[in-house]
């Protein structure tokens, strides 16, 4: 059947479904014209199309009139998918748009595993994907079968995401992130080898004050690089060359 004829048939059937209600929908769902022959997928970075279609469990005779909410729910259960939307493309295609969970850091479980901003463990093979991410240092580790990390790691993952959103260049310099004894954030940089002591949800302005102070201190005495830049005190940036 030519495409133009298929579109015409789909239009006529859609009108019949609107008039006839659920009973008419059940009848047209059995028509071969509406059997799904193609699934278009967008939003993939780590996942591949075959794995997404398999997650939907369409079946050999699935109709484009199938339950979209069921398909979207199945997709949302995948550990790498945060959200999914399925749209019909009559007469026999589906369009799927997925939002993958983005890894923001690595955390011990007990080996280092990627984690997203909500603390969800992401099954990404590090041998296939280069994950140049900061490491979350925390005392608690998840049980072997747990899908999310403990609260301490989730909170640090959330702050790591905030730092990425605030200043992606600073995020790229991060080596580790942990909690200090007083509950403040402690971020170690890769270059220079220095620690920044920060409050939660730090602003871009304050973060740049810290980096400016660090750069100035290095320029003033290149042989004696600061080891700590402390932002815990309102309106102040404390640079220390000794702990």
Protein backbone atom coordinates (compact mmCIF):
# COMPACT_ATOMS: atom_id res chain seq x y z
CA UNK A 1 0.00 0.00 0.00
CA UNK A 2 1.45 3.32 -1.02
CA UNK A 3 2.28 5.81 1.69
CA UNK A 4 -0.38 8.31 0.57
CA UNK A 5 -3.06 5.65 0.77
CA UNK A 6 -1.84 4.55 4.18
CA UNK A 7 -2.06 8.10 5.48
CA UNK A 8 -5.58 8.42 4.10
CA UNK A 9 -6.63 5.15 5.74
CA UNK A 10 -5.06 6.24 9.02
CA UNK A 11 -6.95 9.53 8.91
CA UNK A 12 -10.27 7.83 8.25
CA UNK A 13 -9.68 5.26 10.97
CA UNK A 14 -8.69 7.94 13.44
CA UNK A 15 -12.00 9.65 12.80
CA UNK A 16 -13.80 6.37 13.37
CA UNK A 17 -11.95 5.85 16.65
CA UNK A 18 -12.92 9.31 17.88
CA UNK A 19 -16.55 8.59 17.11
CA UNK A 20 -16.62 4.93 18.10
CA UNK A 21 -14.60 5.16 21.32
CA UNK A 22 -12.70 2.29 23.05
CA UNK A 23 -14.51 -0.47 21.17
CA UNK A 24 -13.53 0.98 17.80
CA UNK A 25 -9.95 1.46 19.03
CA UNK A 26 -9.73 -2.21 20.01
CA UNK A 27 -10.88 -3.23 16.56
CA UNK A 28 -8.50 -1.02 14.57
CA UNK A 29 -5.59 -2.08 16.78
CA UNK A 30 -5.83 -5.49 15.14
CA UNK A 31 -5.45 -4.08 11.63
CA UNK A 32 -2.16 -4.96 9.92
CA UNK A 33 -1.85 -1.38 8.65
CA UNK A 34 -1.15 -0.21 12.20
CA UNK A 35 1.38 -2.88 13.19
CA UNK A 36 4.57 -1.13 14.27
CA UNK A 37 7.23 -1.44 11.60
CA UNK A 38 9.70 1.22 12.73
CA UNK A 39 10.76 2.92 15.97
CA UNK A 40 12.70 6.19 15.74
CA UNK A 41 14.74 6.98 18.85
CA UNK A 42 16.45 10.25 19.83
CA UNK A 43 18.39 11.42 22.89
CA UNK A 44 20.82 8.49 23.00
CA UNK A 45 24.39 8.94 24.22
CA UNK A 46 25.28 5.69 25.93
CA UNK A 47 22.29 3.53 25.11
CA UNK A 48 21.72 2.03 21.67
CA UNK A 49 18.46 1.80 19.78
CA UNK A 50 18.12 -1.99 20.05
CA UNK A 51 18.31 -1.91 23.84
CA UNK A 52 15.65 0.81 24.03
CA UNK A 53 13.26 -1.06 21.72
CA UNK A 54 13.86 -4.26 23.69
CA UNK A 55 13.03 -2.41 26.93
CA UNK A 56 9.63 -1.45 25.47
CA UNK A 57 8.74 -5.13 24.87
CA UNK A 58 6.55 -4.35 21.87
CA UNK A 59 5.96 -7.87 20.60
CA UNK A 60 5.76 -9.08 17.02
CA UNK A 61 2.19 -7.86 16.40
CA UNK A 62 2.28 -4.63 18.45
CA UNK A 63 -0.01 -1.90 17.17
CA UNK A 64 0.78 1.78 16.99
CA UNK A 65 -2.44 2.20 19.00
CA UNK A 66 -0.91 0.40 21.97
CA UNK A 67 -0.74 1.98 25.42
CA UNK A 68 1.92 4.70 25.33
CA UNK A 69 1.95 5.04 29.12
CA UNK A 70 2.88 1.37 29.48
CA UNK A 71 5.77 1.79 27.04
CA UNK A 72 6.96 4.95 28.78
CA UNK A 73 6.77 3.26 32.17
CA UNK A 74 8.86 0.34 30.93
CA UNK A 75 11.47 2.70 29.55
CA UNK A 76 11.59 4.70 32.79
CA UNK A 77 12.49 1.50 34.66
CA UNK A 78 15.78 1.28 32.79
CA UNK A 79 18.58 2.41 35.13
CA UNK A 80 20.07 4.67 32.45
CA UNK A 81 16.83 6.44 31.50
CA UNK A 82 15.56 9.36 33.56
CA UNK A 83 12.52 10.09 31.40
CA UNK A 84 10.99 8.88 28.12
CA UNK A 85 8.24 10.07 25.82
CA UNK A 86 6.56 7.97 23.12
CA UNK A 87 4.62 9.49 20.23
CA UNK A 88 2.63 7.82 17.46
CA UNK A 89 3.50 8.44 13.83
CA UNK A 90 0.60 7.02 11.87
CA UNK A 91 0.13 4.65 10.36
CA UNK A 92 2.85 2.31 11.70
CA UNK A 93 5.75 4.17 13.37
CA UNK A 94 6.67 5.27 16.87
CA UNK A 95 8.91 8.13 17.88
CA UNK A 96 10.73 7.71 21.19
CA UNK A 97 12.61 10.51 22.93
CA UNK A 98 14.71 9.54 25.93
CA UNK A 99 16.60 11.55 28.51
CA UNK A 100 19.51 9.51 29.76
CA UNK A 101 20.89 9.76 33.27
CA UNK A 102 24.19 11.61 33.04
CA UNK A 103 27.11 10.39 35.17
CA UNK A 104 28.50 13.21 37.31
CA UNK A 105 30.99 11.34 39.48
CA UNK A 106 32.44 7.99 40.50
CA UNK A 107 31.69 6.40 43.87
CA UNK A 108 32.94 3.24 45.57
CA UNK A 109 30.60 0.23 45.63
CA UNK A 110 33.26 -1.18 46.44
CA UNK A 111 34.87 -0.63 43.02
CA UNK A 112 34.34 2.80 41.50
CA UNK A 113 31.04 3.07 39.66
CA UNK A 114 29.43 6.03 37.84
CA UNK A 115 26.62 7.81 39.66
CA UNK A 116 24.17 10.50 38.53
CA UNK A 117 23.03 13.60 40.43
CA UNK A 118 20.33 11.60 42.25
CA UNK A 119 22.77 8.96 43.45
CA UNK A 120 21.57 6.28 41.03
CA UNK A 121 24.14 3.62 40.14
CA UNK A 122 24.66 3.67 36.38
CA UNK A 123 25.58 0.41 34.60
CA UNK A 124 28.10 1.99 32.24
CA UNK A 125 31.04 -0.17 31.21
CA UNK A 126 34.23 1.85 31.92
CA UNK A 127 36.12 -0.27 29.39
CA UNK A 128 33.87 1.08 26.61
CA UNK A 129 33.43 4.67 27.77
CA UNK A 130 36.13 6.96 29.11
CA UNK A 131 34.72 8.40 32.32
CA UNK A 132 36.92 11.29 33.37
CA UNK A 133 34.88 12.15 36.45
CA UNK A 134 35.60 13.37 39.99
CA UNK A 135 35.53 10.77 42.75
CA UNK A 136 33.10 10.99 45.66
CA UNK A 137 34.77 10.07 48.93
CA UNK A 138 32.28 8.76 51.48
CA UNK A 139 32.23 6.34 54.40
CA UNK A 140 29.09 4.41 53.46
CA UNK A 141 28.77 2.09 50.48
CA UNK A 142 25.62 0.58 48.98
CA UNK A 143 24.59 -3.07 49.31
CA UNK A 144 25.57 -5.17 46.32
CA UNK A 145 22.02 -5.26 44.91
CA UNK A 146 21.07 -1.63 45.69
CA UNK A 147 20.15 0.61 42.75
CA UNK A 148 21.06 3.84 44.58
CA UNK A 149 23.90 4.94 46.82
CA UNK A 150 23.44 5.90 50.51
CA UNK A 151 22.26 9.40 51.45
CA UNK A 152 25.78 10.72 52.05
CA UNK A 153 26.80 9.88 48.48
CA UNK A 154 23.52 11.18 47.03
CA UNK A 155 24.04 14.55 48.70
CA UNK A 156 27.60 14.79 47.38
CA UNK A 157 26.44 13.77 43.90
CA UNK A 158 23.83 16.54 44.02
CA UNK A 159 26.51 19.09 44.95
CA UNK A 160 28.78 17.77 42.19
CA UNK A 161 25.99 18.34 39.67
CA UNK A 162 25.53 21.86 41.04
CA UNK A 163 29.24 22.59 40.55
CA UNK A 164 29.05 21.29 36.98
CA UNK A 165 26.05 23.52 36.29
CA UNK A 166 27.75 26.50 37.96
CA UNK A 167 31.18 26.32 36.29
CA UNK A 168 31.95 23.49 33.89
CA UNK A 169 35.65 24.45 33.74
CA UNK A 170 35.96 24.18 37.51
CA UNK A 171 34.12 20.85 37.39
CA UNK A 172 36.69 19.59 34.89
CA UNK A 173 39.49 20.38 37.36
CA UNK A 174 37.88 18.46 40.25
CA UNK A 175 39.68 15.36 41.48
CA UNK A 176 37.64 14.42 44.58
CA UNK A 177 34.75 15.74 46.67
CA UNK A 178 33.95 14.87 50.29
CA UNK A 179 32.50 16.24 53.50
CA UNK A 180 34.75 17.95 56.00
CA UNK A 181 34.52 17.33 59.73
CA UNK A 182 32.17 20.30 60.10
CA UNK A 183 29.95 19.24 57.19
CA UNK A 184 31.40 21.64 54.63
CA UNK A 185 32.30 20.55 51.12
CA UNK A 186 35.96 19.80 50.44
CA UNK A 187 36.93 19.72 46.78
CA UNK A 188 40.44 18.70 45.74
CA UNK A 189 41.68 20.02 42.42
CA UNK A 190 43.90 18.17 40.00
CA UNK A 191 45.90 21.27 39.11
CA UNK A 192 47.11 22.81 41.25
CA UNK A 193 46.99 20.18 44.00
CA UNK A 194 44.90 22.24 46.39
CA UNK A 195 41.68 21.87 48.36
CA UNK A 196 38.74 24.27 48.34
CA UNK A 197 36.50 24.31 51.40
CA UNK A 198 33.06 25.40 50.24
CA UNK A 199 29.51 25.86 51.52
CA UNK A 200 26.70 23.92 49.85
CA UNK A 201 25.17 25.37 46.68
CA UNK A 202 27.95 27.88 46.22
CA UNK A 203 27.34 30.72 43.78
CA UNK A 204 29.40 31.35 40.66
CA UNK A 205 30.60 34.66 42.08
CA UNK A 206 31.99 33.14 45.27
CA UNK A 207 33.56 30.25 43.38
CA UNK A 208 35.38 32.66 41.09
CA UNK A 209 36.55 34.68 44.08
CA UNK A 210 38.21 31.52 45.38
CA UNK A 211 39.86 30.70 42.07
CA UNK A 212 41.07 34.30 41.64
CA UNK A 213 42.58 34.26 45.12
CA UNK A 214 44.27 30.93 44.40
CA UNK A 215 45.74 32.17 41.11
CA UNK A 216 46.95 35.38 42.77
CA UNK A 217 48.66 33.47 45.60
CA UNK A 218 50.43 31.19 43.12
CA UNK A 219 51.61 34.16 41.07
CA UNK A 220 52.94 35.87 44.19
CA UNK A 221 54.94 32.82 45.33
CA UNK A 222 55.13 30.05 42.67
CA UNK A 223 57.42 27.92 44.83
CA UNK A 224 54.93 27.81 47.70
CA UNK A 225 51.57 26.83 46.24
CA UNK A 226 48.60 27.19 48.63
CA UNK A 227 47.06 23.95 49.80
CA UNK A 228 43.70 25.24 51.07
CA UNK A 229 41.32 27.97 49.93
CA UNK A 230 38.57 28.41 52.50
CA UNK A 231 35.20 30.01 51.71
CA UNK A 232 33.35 29.13 54.90
CA UNK A 233 33.42 32.69 56.20
CA UNK A 234 30.97 35.16 54.66
CA UNK A 235 32.63 37.82 52.53
CA UNK A 236 36.09 36.36 53.01
CA UNK A 237 38.48 34.11 51.09
CA UNK A 238 41.12 32.53 53.32
CA UNK A 239 44.21 31.16 51.55
CA UNK A 240 46.47 28.89 53.56
CA UNK A 241 49.82 27.45 52.60
CA UNK A 242 49.80 25.08 55.58
CA UNK A 243 47.08 22.93 57.06
